[in-house]
Amino acid sequence: MIEFTEGIYNFYVYILTNKAKTVLYTGVTNNLKRRLQEHNEKLNPQSFTAKYNLNYLIYYEKYGWIQQAIAREKEIKLLRRDLKLELIKEFNPNMEFLNNQFS
C-alpha cells in the first residue's frame, strides 16, 4: 500500500475494475469499506460504475489530507490506460481483487 501519513485523517484514492478487468474507474473516498459496499449495491443504477459492473478493487493509495487525495485522483485520471495498468501492476502484480482487505 502507498501511504502518505502527514494528516490525521484517512482518505483513499482507488481504482475499480469489472470481473473481466476490461474497464477502469478511479475514485476518492474517506471510507473505502463503505464506498466499496455502495458500489456493490449500485445505489445509482445510472452511474458509470453500475453500468459497467465495476465492483472489484485492484489498487488504492492512502492519504492523510483530502487535498492530496483529490490531487492524486486527478493525476491518475489523466494517465493513459497503459500507464494506469503499469501503476496497478507495480502495486498489485497479479491484478488480484483486493476487496477482502476492506470487508
N, C-alpha and C. Protein backbone atom coordinates (compact mmCIF):
# COMPACT_ATOMS: atom_id res chain seq x y z
N MET A 1 0.84 -1.18 0.00
CA MET A 1 0.00 0.00 0.00
C MET A 1 0.88 1.24 0.00
N ILE A 2 0.50 2.21 -0.79
CA ILE A 2 1.17 3.50 -0.78
C ILE A 2 0.47 4.36 0.26
N GLU A 3 1.23 4.95 1.19
CA GLU A 3 0.61 5.70 2.27
C GLU A 3 1.36 6.99 2.51
N PHE A 4 0.62 8.07 2.65
CA PHE A 4 1.16 9.38 2.99
C PHE A 4 0.47 9.80 4.28
N THR A 5 1.21 9.83 5.40
CA THR A 5 0.59 9.95 6.71
C THR A 5 0.74 11.32 7.36
N GLU A 6 0.95 12.36 6.59
CA GLU A 6 1.14 13.67 7.18
C GLU A 6 -0.10 14.16 7.91
N GLY A 7 -1.28 13.84 7.41
CA GLY A 7 -2.53 14.32 8.00
C GLY A 7 -3.02 13.39 9.09
N ILE A 8 -4.14 13.77 9.67
CA ILE A 8 -4.70 12.97 10.77
C ILE A 8 -5.94 12.19 10.33
N TYR A 9 -6.29 12.27 9.07
CA TYR A 9 -7.47 11.60 8.55
C TYR A 9 -7.06 10.49 7.59
N ASN A 10 -8.05 9.75 7.13
CA ASN A 10 -7.80 8.70 6.14
C ASN A 10 -8.62 8.97 4.90
N PHE A 11 -7.94 9.15 3.80
CA PHE A 11 -8.59 9.31 2.50
C PHE A 11 -7.92 8.34 1.54
N TYR A 12 -8.73 7.77 0.66
CA TYR A 12 -8.22 6.77 -0.26
C TYR A 12 -8.50 7.18 -1.70
N VAL A 13 -7.50 7.00 -2.54
CA VAL A 13 -7.67 7.04 -3.98
C VAL A 13 -7.67 5.58 -4.40
N TYR A 14 -8.65 5.19 -5.20
CA TYR A 14 -8.77 3.77 -5.52
C TYR A 14 -9.12 3.57 -6.99
N ILE A 15 -8.81 2.39 -7.47
CA ILE A 15 -9.18 2.00 -8.83
C ILE A 15 -9.98 0.71 -8.77
N LEU A 16 -11.14 0.75 -9.43
CA LEU A 16 -12.00 -0.42 -9.54
C LEU A 16 -11.97 -0.94 -10.97
N THR A 17 -12.32 -2.21 -11.11
CA THR A 17 -12.47 -2.81 -12.43
C THR A 17 -13.66 -3.76 -12.40
N ASN A 18 -13.98 -4.31 -13.56
CA ASN A 18 -15.02 -5.33 -13.65
C ASN A 18 -14.37 -6.71 -13.58
N LYS A 19 -15.19 -7.74 -13.59
CA LYS A 19 -14.67 -9.10 -13.44
C LYS A 19 -13.66 -9.46 -14.53
N ALA A 20 -13.90 -8.99 -15.76
CA ALA A 20 -13.00 -9.29 -16.88
C ALA A 20 -11.79 -8.35 -16.94
N LYS A 21 -11.76 -7.36 -16.05
CA LYS A 21 -10.66 -6.39 -15.97
C LYS A 21 -10.50 -5.59 -17.28
N THR A 22 -11.63 -5.24 -17.89
CA THR A 22 -11.58 -4.50 -19.15
C THR A 22 -11.85 -3.01 -18.99
N VAL A 23 -12.42 -2.59 -17.86
CA VAL A 23 -12.77 -1.19 -17.62
C VAL A 23 -12.15 -0.76 -16.30
N LEU A 24 -11.65 0.48 -16.25
CA LEU A 24 -11.06 1.01 -15.03
C LEU A 24 -11.81 2.26 -14.58
N TYR A 25 -11.95 2.41 -13.26
CA TYR A 25 -12.59 3.59 -12.68
C TYR A 25 -11.73 4.06 -11.51
N THR A 26 -11.45 5.35 -11.46
CA THR A 26 -10.67 5.93 -10.37
C THR A 26 -11.57 6.81 -9.52
N GLY A 27 -11.49 6.65 -8.21
CA GLY A 27 -12.30 7.46 -7.30
C GLY A 27 -11.54 7.83 -6.05
N VAL A 28 -12.19 8.62 -5.20
CA VAL A 28 -11.61 9.04 -3.92
C VAL A 28 -12.70 8.95 -2.86
N THR A 29 -12.31 8.56 -1.65
CA THR A 29 -13.28 8.43 -0.55
C THR A 29 -12.56 8.54 0.79
N ASN A 30 -13.32 8.79 1.83
CA ASN A 30 -12.75 8.79 3.18
C ASN A 30 -13.04 7.48 3.91
N ASN A 31 -13.81 6.60 3.27
CA ASN A 31 -14.14 5.32 3.89
C ASN A 31 -14.24 4.28 2.78
N LEU A 32 -13.15 3.60 2.54
CA LEU A 32 -13.10 2.67 1.40
C LEU A 32 -14.03 1.48 1.59
N LYS A 33 -14.13 0.98 2.79
CA LYS A 33 -15.03 -0.16 3.05
C LYS A 33 -16.47 0.22 2.69
N ARG A 34 -16.94 1.36 3.16
CA ARG A 34 -18.30 1.82 2.88
C ARG A 34 -18.49 2.08 1.38
N ARG A 35 -17.50 2.70 0.77
CA ARG A 35 -17.61 3.05 -0.64
C ARG A 35 -17.67 1.81 -1.53
N LEU A 36 -16.89 0.79 -1.19
CA LEU A 36 -16.96 -0.47 -1.94
C LEU A 36 -18.35 -1.10 -1.82
N GLN A 37 -18.92 -1.03 -0.63
CA GLN A 37 -20.27 -1.55 -0.42
C GLN A 37 -21.28 -0.77 -1.26
N GLU A 38 -21.12 0.55 -1.31
CA GLU A 38 -22.02 1.37 -2.12
C GLU A 38 -21.92 0.99 -3.61
N HIS A 39 -20.71 0.77 -4.08
CA HIS A 39 -20.54 0.34 -5.47
C HIS A 39 -21.21 -1.02 -5.70
N ASN A 40 -21.07 -1.93 -4.75
CA ASN A 40 -21.70 -3.25 -4.88
C ASN A 40 -23.22 -3.16 -4.92
N GLU A 41 -23.77 -2.25 -4.12
CA GLU A 41 -25.23 -2.10 -4.04
C GLU A 41 -25.81 -1.33 -5.22
N LYS A 42 -24.93 -0.72 -6.04
CA LYS A 42 -25.37 0.04 -7.21
C LYS A 42 -26.45 1.06 -6.81
N LEU A 43 -26.13 1.90 -5.84
CA LEU A 43 -27.08 2.89 -5.33
C LEU A 43 -27.60 3.81 -6.43
N ASN A 44 -26.75 4.11 -7.39
CA ASN A 44 -27.17 4.91 -8.54
C ASN A 44 -27.05 4.02 -9.79
N PRO A 45 -28.15 3.39 -10.19
CA PRO A 45 -28.09 2.45 -11.33
C PRO A 45 -27.63 3.08 -12.64
N GLN A 46 -27.69 4.40 -12.75
CA GLN A 46 -27.27 5.08 -13.97
C GLN A 46 -25.78 5.44 -13.96
N SER A 47 -25.11 5.19 -12.86
CA SER A 47 -23.70 5.60 -12.73
C SER A 47 -22.79 4.74 -13.62
N PHE A 48 -21.63 5.28 -13.90
CA PHE A 48 -20.62 4.57 -14.70
C PHE A 48 -20.26 3.24 -14.06
N THR A 49 -20.05 3.24 -12.75
CA THR A 49 -19.63 2.01 -12.07
C THR A 49 -20.73 0.95 -12.08
N ALA A 50 -21.98 1.37 -11.97
CA ALA A 50 -23.09 0.41 -12.02
C ALA A 50 -23.25 -0.13 -13.44
N LYS A 51 -23.17 0.76 -14.42
CA LYS A 51 -23.36 0.36 -15.82
C LYS A 51 -22.36 -0.69 -16.26
N TYR A 52 -21.11 -0.56 -15.81
CA TYR A 52 -20.04 -1.47 -16.23
C TYR A 52 -19.66 -2.49 -15.16
N ASN A 53 -20.48 -2.61 -14.11
CA ASN A 53 -20.26 -3.58 -13.03
C ASN A 53 -18.85 -3.48 -12.45
N LEU A 54 -18.46 -2.28 -12.08
CA LEU A 54 -17.13 -2.04 -11.51
C LEU A 54 -17.21 -2.20 -9.99
N ASN A 55 -16.95 -3.40 -9.54
CA ASN A 55 -17.07 -3.74 -8.12
C ASN A 55 -15.77 -4.24 -7.51
N TYR A 56 -14.72 -4.36 -8.30
CA TYR A 56 -13.52 -5.05 -7.85
C TYR A 56 -12.36 -4.07 -7.65
N LEU A 57 -11.90 -3.99 -6.43
CA LEU A 57 -10.79 -3.11 -6.07
C LEU A 57 -9.48 -3.77 -6.50
N ILE A 58 -8.68 -3.02 -7.28
CA ILE A 58 -7.38 -3.56 -7.70
C ILE A 58 -6.22 -2.65 -7.33
N TYR A 59 -6.53 -1.46 -6.79
CA TYR A 59 -5.47 -0.51 -6.46
C TYR A 59 -6.00 0.52 -5.48
N TYR A 60 -5.15 0.93 -4.53
CA TYR A 60 -5.51 2.05 -3.66
C TYR A 60 -4.26 2.69 -3.08
N GLU A 61 -4.42 3.95 -2.72
CA GLU A 61 -3.41 4.72 -2.01
C GLU A 61 -4.11 5.41 -0.84
N LYS A 62 -3.39 5.59 0.25
CA LYS A 62 -3.97 6.20 1.45
C LYS A 62 -3.29 7.54 1.71
N TYR A 63 -4.10 8.54 2.04
CA TYR A 63 -3.60 9.89 2.31
C TYR A 63 -4.18 10.41 3.62
N GLY A 64 -3.48 11.36 4.21
CA GLY A 64 -3.94 11.99 5.44
C GLY A 64 -4.71 13.27 5.21
N TRP A 65 -4.63 13.81 4.02
CA TRP A 65 -5.31 15.07 3.70
C TRP A 65 -6.12 14.90 2.43
N ILE A 66 -7.35 15.41 2.43
CA ILE A 66 -8.23 15.28 1.27
C ILE A 66 -7.64 15.99 0.04
N GLN A 67 -6.96 17.11 0.25
CA GLN A 67 -6.38 17.85 -0.87
C GLN A 67 -5.38 16.99 -1.63
N GLN A 68 -4.57 16.24 -0.90
CA GLN A 68 -3.59 15.34 -1.53
C GLN A 68 -4.31 14.24 -2.31
N ALA A 69 -5.34 13.67 -1.71
CA ALA A 69 -6.07 12.58 -2.34
C ALA A 69 -6.76 13.05 -3.62
N ILE A 70 -7.37 14.21 -3.59
CA ILE A 70 -8.05 14.73 -4.77
C ILE A 70 -7.05 15.04 -5.88
N ALA A 71 -5.92 15.63 -5.50
CA ALA A 71 -4.89 15.93 -6.50
C ALA A 71 -4.38 14.64 -7.15
N ARG A 72 -4.17 13.61 -6.35
CA ARG A 72 -3.69 12.33 -6.88
C ARG A 72 -4.75 11.67 -7.77
N GLU A 73 -6.00 11.73 -7.37
CA GLU A 73 -7.07 11.17 -8.18
C GLU A 73 -7.06 11.83 -9.56
N LYS A 74 -6.92 13.14 -9.60
CA LYS A 74 -6.88 13.86 -10.87
C LYS A 74 -5.69 13.44 -11.71
N GLU A 75 -4.53 13.25 -11.08
CA GLU A 75 -3.33 12.79 -11.80
C GLU A 75 -3.58 11.44 -12.45
N ILE A 76 -4.13 10.52 -11.67
CA ILE A 76 -4.37 9.17 -12.18
C ILE A 76 -5.38 9.19 -13.31
N LYS A 77 -6.44 9.99 -13.16
CA LYS A 77 -7.46 10.05 -14.21
C LYS A 77 -6.90 10.56 -15.52
N LEU A 78 -5.85 11.37 -15.47
CA LEU A 78 -5.25 11.90 -16.69
C LEU A 78 -4.29 10.92 -17.37
N LEU A 79 -3.92 9.85 -16.68
CA LEU A 79 -3.00 8.88 -17.26
C LEU A 79 -3.65 8.09 -18.38
N ARG A 80 -2.85 7.74 -19.36
CA ARG A 80 -3.31 6.81 -20.39
C ARG A 80 -3.54 5.44 -19.74
N ARG A 81 -4.37 4.64 -20.36
CA ARG A 81 -4.68 3.31 -19.82
C ARG A 81 -3.43 2.48 -19.55
N ASP A 82 -2.47 2.47 -20.48
CA ASP A 82 -1.28 1.64 -20.30
C ASP A 82 -0.49 2.09 -19.07
N LEU A 83 -0.47 3.40 -18.79
CA LEU A 83 0.24 3.88 -17.60
C LEU A 83 -0.53 3.56 -16.32
N LYS A 84 -1.85 3.57 -16.40
CA LYS A 84 -2.65 3.15 -15.24
C LYS A 84 -2.38 1.68 -14.93
N LEU A 85 -2.34 0.85 -15.97
CA LEU A 85 -2.07 -0.57 -15.77
C LEU A 85 -0.68 -0.80 -15.19
N GLU A 86 0.28 -0.01 -15.64
CA GLU A 86 1.64 -0.10 -15.09
C GLU A 86 1.63 0.25 -13.60
N LEU A 87 0.93 1.31 -13.23
CA LEU A 87 0.80 1.73 -11.83
C LEU A 87 0.17 0.62 -11.00
N ILE A 88 -0.92 0.06 -11.51
CA ILE A 88 -1.62 -1.01 -10.80
C ILE A 88 -0.71 -2.22 -10.61
N LYS A 89 -0.01 -2.61 -11.66
CA LYS A 89 0.83 -3.82 -11.60
C LYS A 89 2.06 -3.65 -10.71
N GLU A 90 2.53 -2.43 -10.52
CA GLU A 90 3.62 -2.19 -9.56
C GLU A 90 3.13 -2.46 -8.14
N PHE A 91 1.88 -2.12 -7.88
CA PHE A 91 1.26 -2.28 -6.56
C PHE A 91 0.68 -3.67 -6.38
N ASN A 92 0.11 -4.20 -7.44
CA ASN A 92 -0.65 -5.44 -7.40
C ASN A 92 -0.31 -6.25 -8.66
N PRO A 93 0.87 -6.90 -8.67
CA PRO A 93 1.39 -7.53 -9.89
C PRO A 93 0.44 -8.49 -10.60
N ASN A 94 -0.37 -9.22 -9.85
CA ASN A 94 -1.29 -10.18 -10.46
C ASN A 94 -2.69 -9.61 -10.66
N MET A 95 -2.83 -8.33 -10.40
CA MET A 95 -4.12 -7.65 -10.51
C MET A 95 -5.23 -8.43 -9.79
N GLU A 96 -4.91 -8.87 -8.58
CA GLU A 96 -5.88 -9.60 -7.76
C GLU A 96 -6.91 -8.63 -7.22
N PHE A 97 -8.11 -9.12 -6.95
CA PHE A 97 -9.15 -8.30 -6.35
C PHE A 97 -8.84 -8.15 -4.86
N LEU A 98 -8.84 -6.93 -4.37
CA LEU A 98 -8.40 -6.62 -3.00
C LEU A 98 -9.56 -6.29 -2.07
N ASN A 99 -10.79 -6.51 -2.49
CA ASN A 99 -11.95 -6.14 -1.69
C ASN A 99 -11.92 -6.75 -0.29
N ASN A 100 -11.38 -7.97 -0.18
CA ASN A 100 -11.39 -8.64 1.13
C ASN A 100 -10.54 -7.90 2.17
N GLN A 101 -9.65 -7.01 1.74
CA GLN A 101 -8.87 -6.23 2.71
C GLN A 101 -9.73 -5.18 3.41
N PHE A 102 -10.92 -4.93 2.88
CA PHE A 102 -11.80 -3.91 3.44
C PHE A 102 -13.20 -4.45 3.74
N SER A 103 -13.30 -5.75 4.02
CA SER A 103 -14.61 -6.31 4.31
C SER A 103 -14.84 -6.43 5.80
